Amino acid sequence: MVESVQTVNEYISFLQGKGFQFQEDAIGFINFGKTYTNSSDELVIAAIELTLKAQRQFEGSFFISLLETFSANEVKTRKEAILFVKKKELISI
């Protein structure tokens, strides 16, 4: 992730600029997940990043589940998210 990226939309644009193509419904899943879990842009970006690393593509249901897991475990930052998935062995990164 590039540290200067601030918002989810900027991160998506960054990824698209690198050649990553989101399926038509992906943006909807991202916006829904952010609102549904009341997550910060930082945490949503981390969930997108971790979803792409784990699934090799954007998988909406995986992304939503990851955000719900973060919310239920009071994960608030990108660093906490990465430590959480490593500790729980949810994703091999």
PDB file of N, CA and C in Angstrom:
ATOM      1  N   MET A   1       0.841  -1.176   0.000  1.00  0.00           N
ATOM      2  CA  MET A   1       0.000   0.000   0.000  1.00  0.00           C
ATOM      3  C   MET A   1       0.884   1.237   0.000  1.00  0.00           C
ATOM      4  N   VAL A   2       0.443   2.266  -0.665  1.00  0.00           N
ATOM      5  CA  VAL A   2       1.154   3.533  -0.697  1.00  0.00           C
ATOM      6  C   VAL A   2       0.638   4.391   0.456  1.00  0.00           C
ATOM      7  N   GLU A   3       1.543   4.891   1.267  1.00  0.00           N
ATOM      8  CA  GLU A   3       1.160   5.624   2.472  1.00  0.00           C
ATOM      9  C   GLU A   3       0.392   6.915   2.193  1.00  0.00           C
ATOM     10  N   SER A   4       0.577   7.514   1.014  1.00  0.00           N
ATOM     11  CA  SER A   4      -0.101   8.773   0.722  1.00  0.00           C
ATOM     12  C   SER A   4      -1.572   8.564   0.378  1.00  0.00           C
ATOM     13  N   VAL A   5      -1.993   7.327   0.177  1.00  0.00           N
ATOM     14  CA  VAL A   5      -3.387   7.040  -0.128  1.00  0.00           C
ATOM     15  C   VAL A   5      -4.215   7.295   1.125  1.00  0.00           C
ATOM     16  N   GLN A   6      -5.246   8.121   0.987  1.00  0.00           N
ATOM     17  CA  GLN A   6      -6.030   8.525   2.147  1.00  0.00           C
ATOM     18  C   GLN A   6      -7.428   7.907   2.179  1.00  0.00           C
ATOM     19  N   THR A   7      -8.096   7.851   1.036  1.00  0.00           N
ATOM     20  CA  THR A   7      -9.477   7.391   1.027  1.00  0.00           C
ATOM     21  C   THR A   7      -9.608   6.084   0.257  1.00  0.00           C
ATOM     22  N   VAL A   8     -10.724   5.447   0.468  1.00  0.00           N
ATOM     23  CA  VAL A   8     -11.008   4.202  -0.249  1.00  0.00           C
ATOM     24  C   VAL A   8     -11.021   4.464  -1.750  1.00  0.00           C
ATOM     25  N   ASN A   9     -11.666   5.540  -2.176  1.00  0.00           N
ATOM     26  CA  ASN A   9     -11.730   5.854  -3.607  1.00  0.00           C
ATOM     27  C   ASN A   9     -10.338   6.103  -4.192  1.00  0.00           C
ATOM     28  N   GLU A  10      -9.483   6.774  -3.447  1.00  0.00           N
ATOM     29  CA  GLU A  10      -8.118   6.999  -3.914  1.00  0.00           C
ATOM     30  C   GLU A  10      -7.355   5.673  -4.020  1.00  0.00           C
ATOM     31  N   TYR A  11      -7.588   4.773  -3.070  1.00  0.00           N
ATOM     32  CA  TYR A  11      -6.920   3.474  -3.097  1.00  0.00           C
ATOM     33  C   TYR A  11      -7.388   2.650  -4.295  1.00  0.00           C
ATOM     34  N   ILE A  12      -8.681   2.669  -4.548  1.00  0.00           N
ATOM     35  CA  ILE A  12      -9.218   1.953  -5.708  1.00  0.00           C
ATOM     36  C   ILE A  12      -8.632   2.526  -6.989  1.00  0.00           C
ATOM     37  N   SER A  13      -8.562   3.839  -7.089  1.00  0.00           N
ATOM     38  CA  SER A  13      -7.957   4.483  -8.262  1.00  0.00           C
ATOM     39  C   SER A  13      -6.489   4.098  -8.402  1.00  0.00           C
ATOM     40  N   PHE A  14      -5.781   4.042  -7.282  1.00  0.00           N
ATOM     41  CA  PHE A  14      -4.377   3.630  -7.273  1.00  0.00           C
ATOM     42  C   PHE A  14      -4.242   2.211  -7.841  1.00  0.00           C
ATOM     43  N   LEU A  15      -5.080   1.294  -7.360  1.00  0.00           N
ATOM     44  CA  LEU A  15      -5.033  -0.086  -7.843  1.00  0.00           C
ATOM     45  C   LEU A  15      -5.373  -0.174  -9.328  1.00  0.00           C
ATOM     46  N   GLN A  16      -6.376   0.574  -9.743  1.00  0.00           N
ATOM     47  CA  GLN A  16      -6.753   0.583 -11.159  1.00  0.00           C
ATOM     48  C   GLN A  16      -5.621   1.138 -12.010  1.00  0.00           C
ATOM     49  N   GLY A  17      -4.908   2.126 -11.490  1.00  0.00           N
ATOM     50  CA  GLY A  17      -3.765   2.684 -12.181  1.00  0.00           C
ATOM     51  C   GLY A  17      -2.628   1.680 -12.338  1.00  0.00           C
ATOM     52  N   LYS A  18      -2.587   0.706 -11.421  1.00  0.00           N
ATOM     53  CA  LYS A  18      -1.586  -0.360 -11.486  1.00  0.00           C
ATOM     54  C   LYS A  18      -2.057  -1.525 -12.358  1.00  0.00           C
ATOM     55  N   GLY A  19      -3.268  -1.382 -12.924  1.00  0.00           N
ATOM     56  CA  GLY A  19      -3.775  -2.401 -13.836  1.00  0.00           C
ATOM     57  C   GLY A  19      -4.764  -3.373 -13.236  1.00  0.00           C
ATOM     58  N   PHE A  20      -5.100  -3.205 -11.948  1.00  0.00           N
ATOM     59  CA  PHE A  20      -6.076  -4.103 -11.346  1.00  0.00           C
ATOM     60  C   PHE A  20      -7.476  -3.693 -11.760  1.00  0.00           C
ATOM     61  N   GLN A  21      -8.241  -4.642 -12.244  1.00  0.00           N
ATOM     62  CA  GLN A  21      -9.612  -4.360 -12.679  1.00  0.00           C
ATOM     63  C   GLN A  21     -10.606  -4.940 -11.672  1.00  0.00           C
ATOM     64  N   PHE A  22     -11.485  -4.089 -11.171  1.00  0.00           N
ATOM     65  CA  PHE A  22     -12.540  -4.540 -10.275  1.00  0.00           C
ATOM     66  C   PHE A  22     -13.747  -4.959 -11.098  1.00  0.00           C
ATOM     67  N   GLN A  23     -14.392  -6.037 -10.691  1.00  0.00           N
ATOM     68  CA  GLN A  23     -15.637  -6.440 -11.333  1.00  0.00           C
ATOM     69  C   GLN A  23     -16.702  -5.382 -11.030  1.00  0.00           C
ATOM     70  N   GLU A  24     -17.763  -5.414 -11.790  1.00  0.00           N
ATOM     71  CA  GLU A  24     -18.806  -4.393 -11.703  1.00  0.00           C
ATOM     72  C   GLU A  24     -19.381  -4.239 -10.295  1.00  0.00           C
ATOM     73  N   ASP A  25     -19.574  -5.342  -9.585  1.00  0.00           N
ATOM     74  CA  ASP A  25     -20.207  -5.274  -8.269  1.00  0.00           C
ATOM     75  C   ASP A  25     -19.232  -4.999  -7.125  1.00  0.00           C
ATOM     76  N   ALA A  26     -17.947  -4.990  -7.411  1.00  0.00           N
ATOM     77  CA  ALA A  26     -16.938  -4.843  -6.351  1.00  0.00           C
ATOM     78  C   ALA A  26     -17.066  -3.528  -5.598  1.00  0.00           C
ATOM     79  N   ILE A  27     -17.249  -2.434  -6.308  1.00  0.00           N
ATOM     80  CA  ILE A  27     -17.357  -1.122  -5.656  1.00  0.00           C
ATOM     81  C   ILE A  27     -18.581  -1.110  -4.734  1.00  0.00           C
ATOM     82  N   GLY A  28     -19.661  -1.742  -5.180  1.00  0.00           N
ATOM     83  CA  GLY A  28     -20.857  -1.848  -4.341  1.00  0.00           C
ATOM     84  C   GLY A  28     -20.585  -2.606  -3.062  1.00  0.00           C
ATOM     85  N   PHE A  29     -19.858  -3.722  -3.156  1.00  0.00           N
ATOM     86  CA  PHE A  29     -19.494  -4.490  -1.963  1.00  0.00           C
ATOM     87  C   PHE A  29     -18.625  -3.647  -1.031  1.00  0.00           C
ATOM     88  N   ILE A  30     -17.693  -2.928  -1.597  1.00  0.00           N
ATOM     89  CA  ILE A  30     -16.795  -2.101  -0.778  1.00  0.00           C
ATOM     90  C   ILE A  30     -17.581  -1.025  -0.036  1.00  0.00           C
ATOM     91  N   ASN A  31     -18.436  -0.314  -0.755  1.00  0.00           N
ATOM     92  CA  ASN A  31     -19.235   0.739  -0.117  1.00  0.00           C
ATOM     93  C   ASN A  31     -20.201   0.167   0.913  1.00  0.00           C
ATOM     94  N   PHE A  32     -20.843  -0.955   0.572  1.00  0.00           N
ATOM     95  CA  PHE A  32     -21.753  -1.601   1.514  1.00  0.00           C
ATOM     96  C   PHE A  32     -21.003  -2.031   2.773  1.00  0.00           C
ATOM     97  N   GLY A  33     -19.863  -2.692   2.599  1.00  0.00           N
ATOM     98  CA  GLY A  33     -19.081  -3.167   3.735  1.00  0.00           C
ATOM     99  C   GLY A  33     -18.630  -2.043   4.645  1.00  0.00           C
ATOM    100  N   LYS A  34     -18.209  -0.945   4.048  1.00  0.00           N
ATOM    101  CA  LYS A  34     -17.755   0.210   4.830  1.00  0.00           C
ATOM    102  C   LYS A  34     -18.890   0.754   5.688  1.00  0.00           C
ATOM    103  N   THR A  35     -20.064   0.898   5.078  1.00  0.00           N
ATOM    104  CA  THR A  35     -21.221   1.427   5.784  1.00  0.00           C
ATOM    105  C   THR A  35     -21.759   0.423   6.801  1.00  0.00           C
ATOM    106  N   TYR A  36     -21.909  -0.826   6.379  1.00  0.00           N
ATOM    107  CA  TYR A  36     -22.474  -1.884   7.222  1.00  0.00           C
ATOM    108  C   TYR A  36     -21.678  -2.088   8.501  1.00  0.00           C
ATOM    109  N   THR A  37     -20.359  -2.022   8.399  1.00  0.00           N
ATOM    110  CA  THR A  37     -19.507  -2.246   9.568  1.00  0.00           C
ATOM    111  C   THR A  37     -19.042  -0.943  10.216  1.00  0.00           C
ATOM    112  N   ASN A  38     -19.418   0.178   9.608  1.00  0.00           N
ATOM    113  CA  ASN A  38     -19.020   1.497  10.107  1.00  0.00           C
ATOM    114  C   ASN A  38     -17.496   1.572  10.274  1.00  0.00           C
ATOM    115  N   SER A  39     -16.791   1.079   9.260  1.00  0.00           N
ATOM    116  CA  SER A  39     -15.330   1.022   9.308  1.00  0.00           C
ATOM    117  C   SER A  39     -14.698   2.273   8.727  1.00  0.00           C
ATOM    118  N   SER A  40     -13.520   2.590   9.219  1.00  0.00           N
ATOM    119  CA  SER A  40     -12.756   3.732   8.698  1.00  0.00           C
ATOM    120  C   SER A  40     -12.184   3.390   7.327  1.00  0.00           C
ATOM    121  N   ASP A  41     -11.811   4.421   6.575  1.00  0.00           N
ATOM    122  CA  ASP A  41     -11.160   4.199   5.282  1.00  0.00           C
ATOM    123  C   ASP A  41      -9.904   3.350   5.458  1.00  0.00           C
ATOM    124  N   GLU A  42      -9.135   3.616   6.501  1.00  0.00           N
ATOM    125  CA  GLU A  42      -7.901   2.853   6.742  1.00  0.00           C
ATOM    126  C   GLU A  42      -8.187   1.357   6.867  1.00  0.00           C
ATOM    127  N   LEU A  43      -9.225   1.009   7.606  1.00  0.00           N
ATOM    128  CA  LEU A  43      -9.548  -0.398   7.812  1.00  0.00           C
ATOM    129  C   LEU A  43     -10.130  -1.024   6.541  1.00  0.00           C
ATOM    130  N   VAL A  44     -10.938  -0.279   5.809  1.00  0.00           N
ATOM    131  CA  VAL A  44     -11.503  -0.779   4.554  1.00  0.00           C
ATOM    132  C   VAL A  44     -10.380  -1.037   3.548  1.00  0.00           C
ATOM    133  N   ILE A  45      -9.440  -0.123   3.473  1.00  0.00           N
ATOM    134  CA  ILE A  45      -8.292  -0.294   2.572  1.00  0.00           C
ATOM    135  C   ILE A  45      -7.499  -1.541   2.968  1.00  0.00           C
ATOM    136  N   ALA A  46      -7.292  -1.728   4.267  1.00  0.00           N
ATOM    137  CA  ALA A  46      -6.578  -2.924   4.730  1.00  0.00           C
ATOM    138  C   ALA A  46      -7.348  -4.184   4.349  1.00  0.00           C
ATOM    139  N   ALA A  47      -8.661  -4.153   4.482  1.00  0.00           N
ATOM    140  CA  ALA A  47      -9.477  -5.318   4.130  1.00  0.00           C
ATOM    141  C   ALA A  47      -9.422  -5.590   2.632  1.00  0.00           C
ATOM    142  N   ILE A  48      -9.420  -4.539   1.812  1.00  0.00           N
ATOM    143  CA  ILE A  48      -9.276  -4.723   0.359  1.00  0.00           C
ATOM    144  C   ILE A  48      -7.932  -5.367   0.067  1.00  0.00           C
ATOM    145  N   GLU A  49      -6.882  -4.805   0.648  1.00  0.00           N
ATOM    146  CA  GLU A  49      -5.523  -5.311   0.436  1.00  0.00           C
ATOM    147  C   GLU A  49      -5.402  -6.784   0.844  1.00  0.00           C
ATOM    148  N   LEU A  50      -5.917  -7.127   2.009  1.00  0.00           N
ATOM    149  CA  LEU A  50      -5.831  -8.494   2.508  1.00  0.00           C
ATOM    150  C   LEU A  50      -6.703  -9.444   1.685  1.00  0.00           C
ATOM    151  N   THR A  51      -7.847  -8.962   1.233  1.00  0.00           N
ATOM    152  CA  THR A  51      -8.712  -9.769   0.368  1.00  0.00           C
ATOM    153  C   THR A  51      -7.992 -10.101  -0.933  1.00  0.00           C
ATOM    154  N   LEU A  52      -7.352  -9.108  -1.524  1.00  0.00           N
ATOM    155  CA  LEU A  52      -6.637  -9.339  -2.782  1.00  0.00           C
ATOM    156  C   LEU A  52      -5.457 -10.288  -2.593  1.00  0.00           C
ATOM    157  N   LYS A  53      -4.769 -10.168  -1.465  1.00  0.00           N
ATOM    158  CA  LYS A  53      -3.637 -11.063  -1.199  1.00  0.00           C
ATOM    159  C   LYS A  53      -4.108 -12.493  -0.978  1.00  0.00           C
ATOM    160  N   ALA A  54      -5.229 -12.655  -0.298  1.00  0.00           N
ATOM    161  CA  ALA A  54      -5.714 -13.998   0.023  1.00  0.00           C
ATOM    162  C   ALA A  54      -6.417 -14.662  -1.155  1.00  0.00           C
ATOM    163  N   GLN A  55      -7.182 -13.882  -1.908  1.00  0.00           N
ATOM    164  CA  GLN A  55      -8.031 -14.444  -2.954  1.00  0.00           C
ATOM    165  C   GLN A  55      -7.466 -14.270  -4.367  1.00  0.00           C
ATOM    166  N   ARG A  56      -6.454 -13.442  -4.521  1.00  0.00           N
ATOM    167  CA  ARG A  56      -5.856 -13.128  -5.827  1.00  0.00           C
ATOM    168  C   ARG A  56      -6.814 -12.379  -6.748  1.00  0.00           C
ATOM    169  N   GLN A  57      -7.956 -12.017  -6.211  1.00  0.00           N
ATOM    170  CA  GLN A  57      -8.940 -11.185  -6.905  1.00  0.00           C
ATOM    171  C   GLN A  57      -9.849 -10.627  -5.818  1.00  0.00           C
ATOM    172  N   PHE A  58     -10.712  -9.685  -6.179  1.00  0.00           N
ATOM    173  CA  PHE A  58     -11.620  -9.151  -5.178  1.00  0.00           C
ATOM    174  C   PHE A  58     -12.817 -10.076  -5.071  1.00  0.00           C
ATOM    175  N   GLU A  59     -13.015 -10.611  -3.879  1.00  0.00           N
ATOM    176  CA  GLU A  59     -14.154 -11.484  -3.590  1.00  0.00           C
ATOM    177  C   GLU A  59     -15.004 -10.784  -2.532  1.00  0.00           C
ATOM    178  N   GLY A  60     -16.161 -10.298  -2.948  1.00  0.00           N
ATOM    179  CA  GLY A  60     -17.003  -9.467  -2.082  1.00  0.00           C
ATOM    180  C   GLY A  60     -17.392 -10.108  -0.771  1.00  0.00           C
ATOM    181  N   SER A  61     -17.798 -11.366  -0.791  1.00  0.00           N
ATOM    182  CA  SER A  61     -18.237 -12.017   0.444  1.00  0.00           C
ATOM    183  C   SER A  61     -17.067 -12.202   1.422  1.00  0.00           C
ATOM    184  N   PHE A  62     -15.884 -12.492   0.898  1.00  0.00           N
ATOM    185  CA  PHE A  62     -14.697 -12.610   1.743  1.00  0.00           C
ATOM    186  C   PHE A  62     -14.381 -11.261   2.390  1.00  0.00           C
ATOM    187  N   PHE A  63     -14.438 -10.198   1.579  1.00  0.00           N
ATOM    188  CA  PHE A  63     -14.171  -8.836   2.049  1.00  0.00           C
ATOM    189  C   PHE A  63     -15.129  -8.453   3.188  1.00  0.00           C
ATOM    190  N   ILE A  64     -16.433  -8.681   2.981  1.00  0.00           N
ATOM    191  CA  ILE A  64     -17.427  -8.337   3.999  1.00  0.00           C
ATOM    192  C   ILE A  64     -17.169  -9.139   5.275  1.00  0.00           C
ATOM    193  N   SER A  65     -16.894 -10.422   5.131  1.00  0.00           N
ATOM    194  CA  SER A  65     -16.615 -11.273   6.282  1.00  0.00           C
ATOM    195  C   SER A  65     -15.391 -10.784   7.050  1.00  0.00           C
ATOM    196  N   LEU A  66     -14.380 -10.372   6.324  1.00  0.00           N
ATOM    197  CA  LEU A  66     -13.170  -9.846   6.950  1.00  0.00           C
ATOM    198  C   LEU A  66     -13.481  -8.570   7.736  1.00  0.00           C
ATOM    199  N   LEU A  67     -14.241  -7.665   7.137  1.00  0.00           N
ATOM    200  CA  LEU A  67     -14.614  -6.431   7.847  1.00  0.00           C
ATOM    201  C   LEU A  67     -15.453  -6.738   9.085  1.00  0.00           C
ATOM    202  N   GLU A  68     -16.389  -7.685   8.967  1.00  0.00           N
ATOM    203  CA  GLU A  68     -17.206  -8.069  10.120  1.00  0.00           C
ATOM    204  C   GLU A  68     -16.336  -8.651  11.228  1.00  0.00           C
ATOM    205  N   THR A  69     -15.363  -9.461  10.857  1.00  0.00           N
ATOM    206  CA  THR A  69     -14.442 -10.049  11.836  1.00  0.00           C
ATOM    207  C   THR A  69     -13.627  -8.963  12.528  1.00  0.00           C
ATOM    208  N   PHE A  70     -13.145  -8.002  11.743  1.00  0.00           N
ATOM    209  CA  PHE A  70     -12.392  -6.886  12.335  1.00  0.00           C
ATOM    210  C   PHE A  70     -13.272  -6.115  13.315  1.00  0.00           C
ATOM    211  N   SER A  71     -14.492  -5.831  12.902  1.00  0.00           N
ATOM    212  CA  SER A  71     -15.417  -5.077  13.742  1.00  0.00           C
ATOM    213  C   SER A  71     -15.712  -5.830  15.039  1.00  0.00           C
ATOM    214  N   ALA A  72     -15.999  -7.119  14.943  1.00  0.00           N
ATOM    215  CA  ALA A  72     -16.317  -7.937  16.117  1.00  0.00           C
ATOM    216  C   ALA A  72     -15.138  -8.039  17.088  1.00  0.00           C
ATOM    217  N   ASN A  73     -13.932  -7.916  16.558  1.00  0.00           N
ATOM    218  CA  ASN A  73     -12.719  -8.031  17.390  1.00  0.00           C
ATOM    219  C   ASN A  73     -12.072  -6.686  17.674  1.00  0.00           C
ATOM    220  N   GLU A  74     -12.800  -5.618  17.384  1.00  0.00           N
ATOM    221  CA  GLU A  74     -12.363  -4.247  17.662  1.00  0.00           C
ATOM    222  C   GLU A  74     -11.023  -3.896  17.035  1.00  0.00           C
ATOM    223  N   VAL A  75     -10.785  -4.418  15.831  1.00  0.00           N
ATOM    224  CA  VAL A  75      -9.599  -4.062  15.059  1.00  0.00           C
ATOM    225  C   VAL A  75      -9.872  -2.706  14.420  1.00  0.00           C
ATOM    226  N   LYS A  76      -8.973  -1.754  14.604  1.00  0.00           N
ATOM    227  CA  LYS A  76      -9.238  -0.384  14.148  1.00  0.00           C
ATOM    228  C   LYS A  76      -8.270   0.143  13.095  1.00  0.00           C
ATOM    229  N   THR A  77      -7.061  -0.404  13.022  1.00  0.00           N
ATOM    230  CA  THR A  77      -6.049   0.142  12.117  1.00  0.00           C
ATOM    231  C   THR A  77      -5.526  -0.935  11.168  1.00  0.00           C
ATOM    232  N   ARG A  78      -4.817  -0.497  10.143  1.00  0.00           N
ATOM    233  CA  ARG A  78      -4.207  -1.424   9.187  1.00  0.00           C
ATOM    234  C   ARG A  78      -3.221  -2.347   9.899  1.00  0.00           C
ATOM    235  N   LYS A  79      -2.408  -1.769  10.766  1.00  0.00           N
ATOM    236  CA  LYS A  79      -1.413  -2.555  11.502  1.00  0.00           C
ATOM    237  C   LYS A  79      -2.091  -3.621  12.359  1.00  0.00           C
ATOM    238  N   GLU A  80      -3.153  -3.246  13.060  1.00  0.00           N
ATOM    239  CA  GLU A  80      -3.889  -4.207  13.872  1.00  0.00           C
ATOM    240  C   GLU A  80      -4.512  -5.291  13.001  1.00  0.00           C
ATOM    241  N   ALA A  81      -5.009  -4.902  11.823  1.00  0.00           N
ATOM    242  CA  ALA A  81      -5.637  -5.862  10.910  1.00  0.00           C
ATOM    243  C   ALA A  81      -4.627  -6.911  10.451  1.00  0.00           C
ATOM    244  N   ILE A  82      -3.458  -6.465  10.077  1.00  0.00           N
ATOM    245  CA  ILE A  82      -2.418  -7.384   9.611  1.00  0.00           C
ATOM    246  C   ILE A  82      -1.970  -8.311  10.742  1.00  0.00           C
ATOM    247  N   LEU A  83      -1.756  -7.753  11.913  1.00  0.00           N
ATOM    248  CA  LEU A  83      -1.371  -8.573  13.067  1.00  0.00           C
ATOM    249  C   LEU A  83      -2.466  -9.578  13.412  1.00  0.00           C
ATOM    250  N   PHE A  84      -3.720  -9.157  13.324  1.00  0.00           N
ATOM    251  CA  PHE A  84      -4.850 -10.024  13.638  1.00  0.00           C
ATOM    252  C   PHE A  84      -4.910 -11.221  12.693  1.00  0.00           C
ATOM    253  N   VAL A  85      -4.820 -10.977  11.391  1.00  0.00           N
ATOM    254  CA  VAL A  85      -4.922 -12.096  10.435  1.00  0.00           C
ATOM    255  C   VAL A  85      -3.720 -13.030  10.543  1.00  0.00           C
ATOM    256  N   LYS A  86      -2.556 -12.487  10.875  1.00  0.00           N
ATOM    257  CA  LYS A  86      -1.384 -13.338  11.085  1.00  0.00           C
ATOM    258  C   LYS A  86      -1.555 -14.194  12.334  1.00  0.00           C
ATOM    259  N   LYS A  87      -1.984 -13.562  13.421  1.00  0.00           N
ATOM    260  CA  LYS A  87      -2.147 -14.263  14.695  1.00  0.00           C
ATOM    261  C   LYS A  87      -3.201 -15.368  14.582  1.00  0.00           C
ATOM    262  N   LYS A  88      -4.289 -15.071  13.905  1.00  0.00           N
ATOM    263  CA  LYS A  88      -5.386 -16.043  13.765  1.00  0.00           C
ATOM    264  C   LYS A  88      -5.182 -16.991  12.590  1.00  0.00           C
ATOM    265  N   GLU A  89      -4.099 -16.759  11.839  1.00  0.00           N
ATOM    266  CA  GLU A  89      -3.775 -17.561  10.662  1.00  0.00           C
ATOM    267  C   GLU A  89      -4.933 -17.623   9.676  1.00  0.00           C
ATOM    268  N   LEU A  90      -5.604 -16.475   9.514  1.00  0.00           N
ATOM    269  CA  LEU A  90      -6.730 -16.372   8.574  1.00  0.00           C
ATOM    270  C   LEU A  90      -6.244 -16.291   7.131  1.00  0.00           C
ATOM    271  N   ILE A  91      -5.097 -15.636   6.966  1.00  0.00           N
ATOM    272  CA  ILE A  91      -4.551 -15.421   5.641  1.00  0.00           C
ATOM    273  C   ILE A  91      -3.053 -15.674   5.702  1.00  0.00           C
ATOM    274  N   SER A  92      -2.534 -16.335   4.719  1.00  0.00           N
ATOM    275  CA  SER A  92      -1.104 -16.567   4.639  1.00  0.00           C
ATOM    276  C   SER A  92      -0.461 -15.390   3.894  1.00  0.00           C
ATOM    277  N   ILE A  93       0.146 -14.478   4.656  1.00  0.00           N
ATOM    278  CA  ILE A  93       0.799 -13.293   4.039  1.00  0.00           C
ATOM    279  C   ILE A  93       2.228 -13.176   4.490  1.00  0.00           C
TER     280      ILE A  93
END
